[in-house]
Amino acid sequence: MTFMHVTKSRHPTSAACSRTVKARCSEMQTARSIISGGEPSALMEKEVLTLSDEERKSLLQKAGITNIAIDAAQVLAIKAGLAIPWNRMRLLRRWLKASGVALAGEERMRHISRQIVGDNLKGEMALFSFPHTSGGEELRGAPLVFIPDLIQKVVDLWHDGVIPASEVWLKIGGDKGGGSFKMNFQIANVAAPNS
């Protein structure tokens, strides 16, 4: 059993001076440390979780923590992971903003995307054979994107020596549909293959 001196308050915290508030916070931290078995942060986290959504939102607003900001690289990873186009990303940004989550701007994301892609991807119009509506085949121009230097792209993707110098593991995939054929590759022996 632990005995602890607790100061009886004459004024509510909202009406107290900053020095009094600081003293009360220090006293609460001491009490939390004792009650939590030395883990005051874990106890505080559990206390916040016991609040209703409205109380938690109000508490965060009063504390000045109204927005959660996600940087451009993380947002780009979210976009790639969800495989959504830019216009859907804009809708997601508006929806999250209404909930207090701020995503990095599209211009910054596109800049980072260009840095990642670099000169490793090339595109051009090429002739492909498509089924004709009246039967048979017809040649039509369609965009073709390819990697001119696959070895350089693999070298760019090396993570902390995870890929042994003597081998590269590639996962190759393709998708035909919607009037086009898409082919992709993934370096499999890296620390985070899906990043």
N, C-alpha and C. Protein backbone atom coordinates (compact mmCIF):
# COMPACT_ATOMS: atom_id res chain seq x y z
N MET A 1 0.85 -1.17 0.00
CA MET A 1 0.00 0.00 0.00
C MET A 1 0.89 1.23 0.00
N THR A 2 0.51 2.22 -0.83
CA THR A 2 1.28 3.46 -0.91
C THR A 2 0.40 4.62 -0.49
N PHE A 3 0.91 5.46 0.41
CA PHE A 3 0.20 6.67 0.82
C PHE A 3 0.77 7.84 0.03
N MET A 4 -0.12 8.72 -0.36
CA MET A 4 0.32 9.87 -1.16
C MET A 4 -0.48 11.09 -0.77
N HIS A 5 0.20 12.21 -0.68
CA HIS A 5 -0.46 13.47 -0.37
C HIS A 5 -1.15 14.01 -1.62
N VAL A 6 -2.45 14.30 -1.52
CA VAL A 6 -3.21 14.86 -2.64
C VAL A 6 -3.72 16.22 -2.19
N THR A 7 -3.35 17.25 -2.94
CA THR A 7 -3.76 18.61 -2.62
C THR A 7 -5.23 18.81 -2.94
N LYS A 8 -5.99 19.38 -1.98
CA LYS A 8 -7.40 19.66 -2.22
C LYS A 8 -7.49 20.97 -3.00
N SER A 9 -8.16 20.91 -4.14
CA SER A 9 -8.26 22.08 -5.02
C SER A 9 -9.36 23.02 -4.56
N ARG A 10 -9.04 24.31 -4.58
CA ARG A 10 -10.05 25.32 -4.25
C ARG A 10 -10.71 25.88 -5.51
N HIS A 11 -10.03 25.72 -6.65
CA HIS A 11 -10.55 26.24 -7.92
C HIS A 11 -10.47 25.14 -8.97
N PRO A 12 -11.41 25.14 -9.94
CA PRO A 12 -11.29 24.17 -11.03
C PRO A 12 -10.05 24.46 -11.89
N THR A 13 -9.53 23.46 -12.53
CA THR A 13 -8.31 23.61 -13.34
C THR A 13 -8.49 24.64 -14.44
N SER A 14 -9.69 24.73 -15.02
CA SER A 14 -9.92 25.69 -16.10
C SER A 14 -9.78 27.13 -15.63
N ALA A 15 -9.92 27.37 -14.31
CA ALA A 15 -9.82 28.73 -13.77
C ALA A 15 -8.50 28.96 -13.03
N ALA A 16 -7.65 27.95 -12.96
CA ALA A 16 -6.39 28.06 -12.20
C ALA A 16 -5.31 28.74 -13.05
N CYS A 17 -4.32 29.31 -12.37
CA CYS A 17 -3.20 29.94 -13.08
C CYS A 17 -2.27 28.86 -13.62
N SER A 18 -1.38 29.24 -14.52
CA SER A 18 -0.50 28.26 -15.19
C SER A 18 0.41 27.53 -14.20
N ARG A 19 0.87 28.22 -13.15
CA ARG A 19 1.74 27.57 -12.17
C ARG A 19 0.98 26.48 -11.41
N THR A 20 -0.29 26.76 -11.06
CA THR A 20 -1.11 25.78 -10.37
C THR A 20 -1.41 24.58 -11.27
N VAL A 21 -1.71 24.86 -12.54
CA VAL A 21 -1.98 23.78 -13.50
C VAL A 21 -0.75 22.89 -13.65
N LYS A 22 0.42 23.50 -13.72
CA LYS A 22 1.67 22.74 -13.85
C LYS A 22 1.88 21.84 -12.63
N ALA A 23 1.60 22.37 -11.42
CA ALA A 23 1.75 21.59 -10.19
C ALA A 23 0.76 20.42 -10.17
N ARG A 24 -0.48 20.67 -10.62
CA ARG A 24 -1.49 19.61 -10.65
C ARG A 24 -1.10 18.52 -11.65
N CYS A 25 -0.58 18.92 -12.78
CA CYS A 25 -0.14 17.93 -13.78
C CYS A 25 0.99 17.06 -13.23
N SER A 26 1.91 17.68 -12.52
CA SER A 26 3.03 16.95 -11.92
C SER A 26 2.51 15.95 -10.89
N GLU A 27 1.53 16.38 -10.09
CA GLU A 27 0.94 15.51 -9.07
C GLU A 27 0.23 14.32 -9.73
N MET A 28 -0.49 14.58 -10.84
CA MET A 28 -1.18 13.51 -11.56
C MET A 28 -0.19 12.53 -12.19
N GLN A 29 0.93 13.05 -12.71
CA GLN A 29 1.94 12.17 -13.30
C GLN A 29 2.53 11.24 -12.25
N THR A 30 2.75 11.78 -11.04
CA THR A 30 3.28 10.96 -9.94
C THR A 30 2.27 9.87 -9.59
N ALA A 31 0.99 10.26 -9.46
CA ALA A 31 -0.06 9.29 -9.12
C ALA A 31 -0.18 8.22 -10.21
N ARG A 32 -0.16 8.63 -11.49
CA ARG A 32 -0.26 7.66 -12.59
C ARG A 32 0.91 6.68 -12.58
N SER A 33 2.09 7.20 -12.28
CA SER A 33 3.28 6.35 -12.25
C SER A 33 3.15 5.27 -11.18
N ILE A 34 2.60 5.65 -10.03
CA ILE A 34 2.43 4.68 -8.93
C ILE A 34 1.34 3.68 -9.27
N ILE A 35 0.18 4.18 -9.71
CA ILE A 35 -0.97 3.32 -10.00
C ILE A 35 -0.71 2.37 -11.16
N SER A 36 0.03 2.86 -12.18
CA SER A 36 0.24 2.07 -13.40
C SER A 36 1.39 1.08 -13.29
N GLY A 37 2.08 1.07 -12.18
CA GLY A 37 3.23 0.17 -12.06
C GLY A 37 4.41 0.65 -12.86
N GLY A 38 4.55 1.95 -12.97
CA GLY A 38 5.70 2.51 -13.69
C GLY A 38 5.46 2.76 -15.17
N GLU A 39 4.21 2.60 -15.62
CA GLU A 39 3.89 2.85 -17.03
C GLU A 39 2.78 3.89 -17.14
N PRO A 40 3.08 5.15 -16.79
CA PRO A 40 2.03 6.19 -16.83
C PRO A 40 1.46 6.45 -18.22
N SER A 41 2.28 6.33 -19.26
CA SER A 41 1.79 6.57 -20.63
C SER A 41 0.77 5.52 -21.03
N ALA A 42 1.02 4.27 -20.65
CA ALA A 42 0.09 3.19 -20.98
C ALA A 42 -1.25 3.41 -20.28
N LEU A 43 -1.21 3.85 -19.04
CA LEU A 43 -2.44 4.12 -18.29
C LEU A 43 -3.21 5.29 -18.91
N MET A 44 -2.47 6.34 -19.29
CA MET A 44 -3.11 7.51 -19.90
C MET A 44 -3.79 7.11 -21.22
N GLU A 45 -3.14 6.25 -21.99
CA GLU A 45 -3.71 5.77 -23.25
C GLU A 45 -5.03 5.05 -22.99
N LYS A 46 -5.04 4.20 -21.96
CA LYS A 46 -6.26 3.46 -21.61
C LYS A 46 -7.35 4.41 -21.11
N GLU A 47 -6.96 5.45 -20.38
CA GLU A 47 -7.93 6.44 -19.90
C GLU A 47 -8.62 7.13 -21.08
N VAL A 48 -7.83 7.51 -22.07
CA VAL A 48 -8.38 8.20 -23.24
C VAL A 48 -9.32 7.26 -24.00
N LEU A 49 -8.99 5.98 -24.06
CA LEU A 49 -9.83 5.02 -24.78
C LEU A 49 -11.17 4.77 -24.09
N THR A 50 -11.24 5.05 -22.79
CA THR A 50 -12.52 4.88 -22.08
C THR A 50 -13.50 6.02 -22.38
N LEU A 51 -13.01 7.10 -22.98
CA LEU A 51 -13.88 8.24 -23.31
C LEU A 51 -14.72 7.91 -24.54
N SER A 52 -15.86 8.56 -24.64
CA SER A 52 -16.68 8.41 -25.85
C SER A 52 -15.98 9.14 -27.01
N ASP A 53 -16.42 8.86 -28.23
CA ASP A 53 -15.82 9.52 -29.40
C ASP A 53 -15.93 11.03 -29.30
N GLU A 54 -17.09 11.52 -28.87
CA GLU A 54 -17.29 12.97 -28.76
C GLU A 54 -16.37 13.57 -27.69
N GLU A 55 -16.25 12.89 -26.54
CA GLU A 55 -15.37 13.39 -25.47
C GLU A 55 -13.92 13.40 -25.93
N ARG A 56 -13.52 12.33 -26.64
CA ARG A 56 -12.14 12.24 -27.12
C ARG A 56 -11.86 13.35 -28.14
N LYS A 57 -12.81 13.58 -29.06
CA LYS A 57 -12.65 14.63 -30.07
C LYS A 57 -12.56 16.00 -29.40
N SER A 58 -13.43 16.23 -28.42
CA SER A 58 -13.42 17.50 -27.69
C SER A 58 -12.11 17.69 -26.94
N LEU A 59 -11.62 16.62 -26.32
CA LEU A 59 -10.35 16.68 -25.58
C LEU A 59 -9.19 17.04 -26.50
N LEU A 60 -9.14 16.40 -27.67
CA LEU A 60 -8.07 16.68 -28.63
C LEU A 60 -8.14 18.12 -29.14
N GLN A 61 -9.37 18.60 -29.37
CA GLN A 61 -9.53 19.98 -29.83
C GLN A 61 -9.05 20.97 -28.77
N LYS A 62 -9.42 20.72 -27.51
CA LYS A 62 -9.00 21.61 -26.42
C LYS A 62 -7.49 21.58 -26.23
N ALA A 63 -6.89 20.42 -26.53
CA ALA A 63 -5.43 20.29 -26.39
C ALA A 63 -4.70 20.85 -27.61
N GLY A 64 -5.46 21.26 -28.63
CA GLY A 64 -4.85 21.81 -29.84
C GLY A 64 -4.37 20.76 -30.80
N ILE A 65 -4.83 19.52 -30.63
CA ILE A 65 -4.45 18.42 -31.53
C ILE A 65 -5.67 18.11 -32.39
N THR A 66 -5.93 18.98 -33.34
CA THR A 66 -7.14 18.80 -34.15
C THR A 66 -6.84 18.09 -35.46
N ASN A 67 -5.62 18.12 -35.92
CA ASN A 67 -5.30 17.51 -37.20
C ASN A 67 -4.18 16.49 -37.08
N ILE A 68 -4.32 15.46 -37.84
CA ILE A 68 -3.26 14.48 -38.00
C ILE A 68 -2.73 14.70 -39.41
N ALA A 69 -1.44 14.90 -39.55
CA ALA A 69 -0.85 15.17 -40.87
C ALA A 69 -0.08 13.95 -41.35
N ILE A 70 -0.32 13.57 -42.60
CA ILE A 70 0.38 12.44 -43.21
C ILE A 70 1.22 12.99 -44.35
N ASP A 71 2.54 12.72 -44.31
CA ASP A 71 3.42 13.32 -45.32
C ASP A 71 3.27 12.67 -46.70
N ALA A 72 3.86 13.32 -47.68
CA ALA A 72 3.67 12.94 -49.09
C ALA A 72 4.11 11.51 -49.40
N ALA A 73 5.24 11.08 -48.83
CA ALA A 73 5.74 9.72 -49.11
C ALA A 73 4.77 8.67 -48.58
N GLN A 74 4.22 8.91 -47.39
CA GLN A 74 3.27 7.96 -46.81
C GLN A 74 1.97 7.94 -47.61
N VAL A 75 1.51 9.12 -48.04
CA VAL A 75 0.28 9.19 -48.83
C VAL A 75 0.47 8.49 -50.17
N LEU A 76 1.65 8.64 -50.77
CA LEU A 76 1.95 7.97 -52.03
C LEU A 76 1.94 6.46 -51.85
N ALA A 77 2.46 5.98 -50.71
CA ALA A 77 2.43 4.55 -50.40
C ALA A 77 0.99 4.06 -50.23
N ILE A 78 0.15 4.89 -49.60
CA ILE A 78 -1.27 4.55 -49.44
C ILE A 78 -1.93 4.45 -50.81
N LYS A 79 -1.64 5.43 -51.67
CA LYS A 79 -2.22 5.46 -53.03
C LYS A 79 -1.81 4.21 -53.80
N ALA A 80 -0.53 3.85 -53.72
CA ALA A 80 -0.05 2.67 -54.44
C ALA A 80 -0.66 1.39 -53.84
N GLY A 81 -0.72 1.33 -52.51
CA GLY A 81 -1.26 0.16 -51.84
C GLY A 81 -2.73 -0.07 -52.15
N LEU A 82 -3.49 1.01 -52.25
CA LEU A 82 -4.92 0.90 -52.57
C LEU A 82 -5.18 0.85 -54.07
N ALA A 83 -4.14 1.13 -54.86
CA ALA A 83 -4.24 1.14 -56.33
C ALA A 83 -5.38 2.02 -56.80
N ILE A 84 -5.38 3.27 -56.31
CA ILE A 84 -6.44 4.20 -56.71
C ILE A 84 -5.86 5.34 -57.53
N PRO A 85 -6.62 5.83 -58.49
CA PRO A 85 -6.14 6.93 -59.34
C PRO A 85 -6.18 8.27 -58.59
N TRP A 86 -5.60 9.28 -59.23
CA TRP A 86 -5.48 10.61 -58.60
C TRP A 86 -6.85 11.20 -58.25
N ASN A 87 -7.84 11.03 -59.12
CA ASN A 87 -9.15 11.64 -58.83
C ASN A 87 -9.80 11.01 -57.59
N ARG A 88 -9.61 9.71 -57.38
CA ARG A 88 -10.13 9.06 -56.16
C ARG A 88 -9.33 9.52 -54.94
N MET A 89 -8.05 9.80 -55.15
CA MET A 89 -7.21 10.28 -54.06
C MET A 89 -7.71 11.64 -53.57
N ARG A 90 -8.17 12.46 -54.52
CA ARG A 90 -8.71 13.78 -54.14
C ARG A 90 -9.97 13.61 -53.29
N LEU A 91 -10.83 12.67 -53.66
CA LEU A 91 -12.04 12.40 -52.88
C LEU A 91 -11.68 11.91 -51.48
N LEU A 92 -10.69 11.01 -51.41
CA LEU A 92 -10.24 10.49 -50.11
C LEU A 92 -9.68 11.62 -49.25
N ARG A 93 -8.92 12.53 -49.88
CA ARG A 93 -8.34 13.66 -49.14
C ARG A 93 -9.44 14.52 -48.53
N ARG A 94 -10.49 14.82 -49.31
CA ARG A 94 -11.60 15.65 -48.78
C ARG A 94 -12.32 14.94 -47.64
N TRP A 95 -12.54 13.65 -47.79
CA TRP A 95 -13.25 12.88 -46.76
C TRP A 95 -12.43 12.83 -45.47
N LEU A 96 -11.13 12.58 -45.60
CA LEU A 96 -10.27 12.51 -44.41
C LEU A 96 -10.12 13.89 -43.76
N LYS A 97 -10.08 14.94 -44.57
CA LYS A 97 -9.95 16.29 -44.03
C LYS A 97 -11.13 16.63 -43.11
N ALA A 98 -12.32 16.17 -43.50
CA ALA A 98 -13.51 16.40 -42.68
C ALA A 98 -13.41 15.69 -41.33
N SER A 99 -12.58 14.64 -41.26
CA SER A 99 -12.39 13.89 -40.01
C SER A 99 -11.14 14.33 -39.26
N GLY A 100 -10.49 15.41 -39.73
CA GLY A 100 -9.32 15.93 -39.03
C GLY A 100 -8.01 15.30 -39.43
N VAL A 101 -7.97 14.62 -40.59
CA VAL A 101 -6.73 14.02 -41.07
C VAL A 101 -6.29 14.78 -42.32
N ALA A 102 -5.11 15.38 -42.27
CA ALA A 102 -4.61 16.18 -43.40
C ALA A 102 -3.59 15.37 -44.19
N LEU A 103 -3.86 15.19 -45.47
CA LEU A 103 -2.93 14.50 -46.36
C LEU A 103 -2.06 15.52 -47.09
N ALA A 104 -0.86 15.12 -47.42
CA ALA A 104 0.03 16.00 -48.19
C ALA A 104 -0.60 16.31 -49.54
N GLY A 105 -0.17 17.42 -50.13
CA GLY A 105 -0.75 17.87 -51.39
C GLY A 105 -0.37 17.00 -52.57
N GLU A 106 -1.22 17.02 -53.58
CA GLU A 106 -1.01 16.22 -54.78
C GLU A 106 0.26 16.61 -55.52
N GLU A 107 0.56 17.91 -55.57
CA GLU A 107 1.76 18.37 -56.28
C GLU A 107 3.02 17.76 -55.66
N ARG A 108 3.07 17.74 -54.33
CA ARG A 108 4.23 17.16 -53.63
C ARG A 108 4.31 15.65 -53.88
N MET A 109 3.14 14.98 -53.88
CA MET A 109 3.12 13.55 -54.14
C MET A 109 3.62 13.23 -55.55
N ARG A 110 3.16 14.04 -56.51
CA ARG A 110 3.60 13.81 -57.90
C ARG A 110 5.10 14.05 -58.06
N HIS A 111 5.62 15.03 -57.33
CA HIS A 111 7.06 15.31 -57.37
C HIS A 111 7.85 14.10 -56.86
N ILE A 112 7.42 13.55 -55.73
CA ILE A 112 8.10 12.37 -55.17
C ILE A 112 7.96 11.18 -56.12
N SER A 113 6.78 11.04 -56.72
CA SER A 113 6.56 9.95 -57.67
C SER A 113 7.52 10.04 -58.85
N ARG A 114 7.73 11.27 -59.36
CA ARG A 114 8.67 11.46 -60.47
C ARG A 114 10.09 11.12 -60.04
N GLN A 115 10.45 11.45 -58.79
CA GLN A 115 11.78 11.11 -58.29
C GLN A 115 11.98 9.60 -58.22
N ILE A 116 10.94 8.89 -57.77
CA ILE A 116 11.05 7.43 -57.63
C ILE A 116 11.16 6.77 -59.00
N VAL A 117 10.32 7.20 -59.93
CA VAL A 117 10.32 6.60 -61.26
C VAL A 117 11.59 6.98 -62.02
N GLY A 118 12.00 8.26 -61.90
CA GLY A 118 13.22 8.72 -62.56
C GLY A 118 13.18 8.47 -64.05
N ASP A 119 14.31 8.05 -64.61
CA ASP A 119 14.42 7.77 -66.04
C ASP A 119 14.24 6.29 -66.33
N ASN A 120 13.73 5.54 -65.36
CA ASN A 120 13.64 4.09 -65.53
C ASN A 120 12.44 3.63 -66.35
N LEU A 121 11.46 4.50 -66.53
CA LEU A 121 10.30 4.12 -67.33
C LEU A 121 10.21 4.98 -68.57
N LYS A 122 9.90 4.35 -69.68
CA LYS A 122 9.72 5.05 -70.94
C LYS A 122 8.35 4.68 -71.50
N GLY A 123 7.76 5.59 -72.25
CA GLY A 123 6.47 5.32 -72.85
C GLY A 123 6.43 5.76 -74.30
N GLU A 124 5.67 5.06 -75.09
CA GLU A 124 5.50 5.42 -76.49
C GLU A 124 4.22 4.78 -77.02
N MET A 125 3.75 5.26 -78.13
CA MET A 125 2.60 4.65 -78.79
C MET A 125 3.12 3.52 -79.68
N ALA A 126 2.46 2.38 -79.61
CA ALA A 126 2.86 1.23 -80.43
C ALA A 126 1.61 0.60 -81.04
N LEU A 127 1.80 -0.17 -82.11
CA LEU A 127 0.68 -0.86 -82.75
C LEU A 127 0.45 -2.20 -82.08
N PHE A 128 -0.82 -2.46 -81.76
CA PHE A 128 -1.20 -3.73 -81.15
C PHE A 128 -2.39 -4.29 -81.91
N SER A 129 -2.55 -5.60 -81.84
CA SER A 129 -3.68 -6.27 -82.49
C SER A 129 -4.83 -6.35 -81.50
N PHE A 130 -6.01 -5.83 -81.91
CA PHE A 130 -7.21 -5.85 -81.07
C PHE A 130 -8.31 -6.58 -81.83
N PRO A 131 -9.21 -7.26 -81.11
CA PRO A 131 -10.34 -7.89 -81.81
C PRO A 131 -11.26 -6.82 -82.40
N HIS A 132 -11.69 -7.03 -83.61
CA HIS A 132 -12.59 -6.09 -84.29
C HIS A 132 -14.03 -6.45 -83.94
N THR A 133 -14.89 -5.44 -83.86
CA THR A 133 -16.30 -5.67 -83.48
C THR A 133 -17.03 -6.57 -84.46
N SER A 134 -16.63 -6.52 -85.72
CA SER A 134 -17.30 -7.36 -86.72
C SER A 134 -16.56 -8.68 -86.95
N GLY A 135 -15.65 -9.03 -86.05
CA GLY A 135 -14.87 -10.26 -86.18
C GLY A 135 -13.50 -9.96 -86.75
N GLY A 136 -12.58 -10.84 -86.54
CA GLY A 136 -11.22 -10.64 -87.02
C GLY A 136 -10.41 -9.74 -86.09
N GLU A 137 -9.31 -9.28 -86.59
CA GLU A 137 -8.39 -8.46 -85.80
C GLU A 137 -8.14 -7.14 -86.52
N GLU A 138 -7.79 -6.12 -85.76
CA GLU A 138 -7.39 -4.84 -86.34
C GLU A 138 -6.19 -4.30 -85.58
N LEU A 139 -5.33 -3.56 -86.27
CA LEU A 139 -4.17 -2.93 -85.64
C LEU A 139 -4.55 -1.53 -85.21
N ARG A 140 -4.26 -1.21 -83.93
CA ARG A 140 -4.55 0.12 -83.40
C ARG A 140 -3.38 0.55 -82.53
N GLY A 141 -3.18 1.87 -82.48
CA GLY A 141 -2.14 2.41 -81.61
C GLY A 141 -2.61 2.41 -80.16
N ALA A 142 -1.69 2.06 -79.27
CA ALA A 142 -1.99 2.05 -77.83
C ALA A 142 -0.71 2.40 -77.07
N PRO A 143 -0.84 2.97 -75.86
CA PRO A 143 0.37 3.31 -75.12
C PRO A 143 1.12 2.06 -74.65
N LEU A 144 2.43 2.15 -74.72
CA LEU A 144 3.30 1.07 -74.25
C LEU A 144 4.31 1.69 -73.28
N VAL A 145 4.36 1.19 -72.06
CA VAL A 145 5.32 1.67 -71.06
C VAL A 145 6.26 0.52 -70.74
N PHE A 146 7.55 0.80 -70.72
CA PHE A 146 8.52 -0.26 -70.48
C PHE A 146 9.72 0.28 -69.70
N ILE A 147 10.55 -0.67 -69.23
CA ILE A 147 11.77 -0.32 -68.49
C ILE A 147 12.94 -0.55 -69.42
N PRO A 148 13.58 0.52 -69.87
CA PRO A 148 14.67 0.34 -70.84
C PRO A 148 15.89 -0.36 -70.25
N ASP A 149 16.17 -0.15 -68.98
CA ASP A 149 17.34 -0.75 -68.36
C ASP A 149 16.92 -1.46 -67.07
N LEU A 150 16.48 -2.71 -67.20
CA LEU A 150 15.98 -3.47 -66.05
C LEU A 150 17.07 -3.65 -64.99
N ILE A 151 18.30 -3.86 -65.41
CA ILE A 151 19.39 -4.06 -64.44
C ILE A 151 19.57 -2.83 -63.58
N GLN A 152 19.53 -1.64 -64.18
CA GLN A 152 19.68 -0.40 -63.42
C GLN A 152 18.52 -0.21 -62.45
N LYS A 153 17.31 -0.56 -62.89
CA LYS A 153 16.14 -0.44 -62.02
C LYS A 153 16.29 -1.35 -60.81
N VAL A 154 16.78 -2.57 -61.03
CA VAL A 154 17.00 -3.51 -59.92
C VAL A 154 18.05 -2.95 -58.97
N VAL A 155 19.14 -2.41 -59.53
CA VAL A 155 20.19 -1.83 -58.69
C VAL A 155 19.64 -0.69 -57.85
N ASP A 156 18.77 0.14 -58.45
CA ASP A 156 18.15 1.25 -57.73
C ASP A 156 17.28 0.76 -56.57
N LEU A 157 16.73 -0.45 -56.69
CA LEU A 157 15.83 -0.96 -55.68
C LEU A 157 16.51 -1.78 -54.58
N TRP A 158 17.81 -1.93 -54.64
CA TRP A 158 18.51 -2.69 -53.60
C TRP A 158 18.31 -2.02 -52.26
N HIS A 159 18.00 -2.82 -51.23
CA HIS A 159 17.80 -2.29 -49.88
C HIS A 159 18.80 -2.94 -48.93
N ASP A 160 19.78 -2.16 -48.49
CA ASP A 160 20.72 -2.60 -47.45
C ASP A 160 21.33 -3.97 -47.74
N GLY A 161 21.66 -4.22 -48.98
CA GLY A 161 22.32 -5.48 -49.32
C GLY A 161 21.44 -6.70 -49.17
N VAL A 162 20.12 -6.55 -49.18
CA VAL A 162 19.22 -7.69 -49.03
C VAL A 162 19.28 -8.58 -50.26
N ILE A 163 19.42 -7.96 -51.44
CA ILE A 163 19.56 -8.76 -52.66
C ILE A 163 21.00 -9.21 -52.77
N PRO A 164 21.25 -10.52 -52.75
CA PRO A 164 22.63 -11.00 -52.91
C PRO A 164 23.18 -10.56 -54.27
N ALA A 165 24.47 -10.32 -54.33
CA ALA A 165 25.08 -9.85 -55.57
C ALA A 165 24.92 -10.86 -56.71
N SER A 166 24.78 -12.14 -56.36
CA SER A 166 24.73 -13.18 -57.39
C SER A 166 23.32 -13.52 -57.87
N GLU A 167 22.27 -12.97 -57.21
CA GLU A 167 20.92 -13.33 -57.63
C GLU A 167 19.91 -12.21 -57.45
N VAL A 168 18.90 -12.22 -58.30
CA VAL A 168 17.79 -11.29 -58.23
C VAL A 168 16.51 -12.12 -58.36
N TRP A 169 15.59 -11.93 -57.42
CA TRP A 169 14.33 -12.65 -57.47
C TRP A 169 13.26 -11.73 -58.05
N LEU A 170 12.71 -12.13 -59.16
CA LEU A 170 11.67 -11.34 -59.82
C LEU A 170 10.35 -12.08 -59.78
N LYS A 171 9.29 -11.32 -59.50
CA LYS A 171 7.94 -11.86 -59.62
C LYS A 171 7.31 -11.10 -60.79
N ILE A 172 6.89 -11.82 -61.80
CA ILE A 172 6.35 -11.19 -63.00
C ILE A 172 4.85 -11.46 -63.07
N GLY A 173 4.09 -10.42 -63.36
CA GLY A 173 2.64 -10.57 -63.45
C GLY A 173 2.11 -9.86 -64.66
N GLY A 174 0.93 -10.25 -65.08
CA GLY A 174 0.31 -9.61 -66.23
C GLY A 174 -1.20 -9.62 -66.09
N ASP A 175 -1.84 -8.74 -66.84
CA ASP A 175 -3.30 -8.63 -66.79
C ASP A 175 -3.80 -8.18 -68.16
N LYS A 176 -4.67 -8.98 -68.76
CA LYS A 176 -5.27 -8.60 -70.03
C LYS A 176 -6.73 -8.32 -69.77
N GLY A 177 -7.17 -7.17 -70.19
CA GLY A 177 -8.57 -6.82 -69.98
C GLY A 177 -8.78 -5.35 -70.27
N GLY A 178 -10.02 -4.98 -70.51
CA GLY A 178 -10.32 -3.58 -70.79
C GLY A 178 -9.65 -3.08 -72.05
N GLY A 179 -9.37 -3.97 -72.98
CA GLY A 179 -8.77 -3.56 -74.24
C GLY A 179 -7.27 -3.34 -74.18
N SER A 180 -6.63 -3.77 -73.08
CA SER A 180 -5.17 -3.59 -73.01
C SER A 180 -4.54 -4.74 -72.23
N PHE A 181 -3.25 -4.86 -72.36
CA PHE A 181 -2.48 -5.85 -71.60
C PHE A 181 -1.48 -5.12 -70.73
N LYS A 182 -1.46 -5.46 -69.45
CA LYS A 182 -0.53 -4.83 -68.52
C LYS A 182 0.41 -5.88 -67.96
N MET A 183 1.70 -5.57 -67.93
CA MET A 183 2.68 -6.49 -67.39
C MET A 183 3.47 -5.75 -66.33
N ASN A 184 3.76 -6.43 -65.22
CA ASN A 184 4.54 -5.79 -64.17
C ASN A 184 5.53 -6.77 -63.58
N PHE A 185 6.50 -6.24 -62.87
CA PHE A 185 7.44 -7.09 -62.16
C PHE A 185 7.63 -6.54 -60.76
N GLN A 186 8.02 -7.43 -59.87
CA GLN A 186 8.26 -7.04 -58.47
C GLN A 186 9.54 -7.71 -58.03
N ILE A 187 10.43 -6.92 -57.42
CA ILE A 187 11.64 -7.49 -56.84
C ILE A 187 11.23 -8.15 -55.53
N ALA A 188 11.44 -9.45 -55.42
CA ALA A 188 10.91 -10.19 -54.27
C ALA A 188 11.88 -10.24 -53.09
N ASN A 189 13.18 -10.25 -53.33
CA ASN A 189 14.10 -10.40 -52.19
C ASN A 189 14.65 -9.05 -51.73
N VAL A 190 13.71 -8.24 -51.23
CA VAL A 190 14.07 -6.97 -50.58
C VAL A 190 13.39 -6.94 -49.22
N ALA A 191 13.80 -6.00 -48.39
CA ALA A 191 13.26 -5.92 -47.04
C ALA A 191 11.76 -5.71 -47.04
N ALA A 192 11.25 -4.87 -47.96
CA ALA A 192 9.82 -4.58 -48.04
C ALA A 192 9.39 -4.72 -49.49
N PRO A 193 9.06 -5.93 -49.94
CA PRO A 193 8.77 -6.16 -51.37
C PRO A 193 7.61 -5.31 -51.90
N ASN A 194 6.65 -4.97 -51.08
CA ASN A 194 5.48 -4.25 -51.59
C ASN A 194 5.61 -2.74 -51.45
N SER A 195 6.79 -2.24 -51.08
CA SER A 195 6.94 -0.79 -50.90
C SER A 195 7.34 -0.14 -52.21
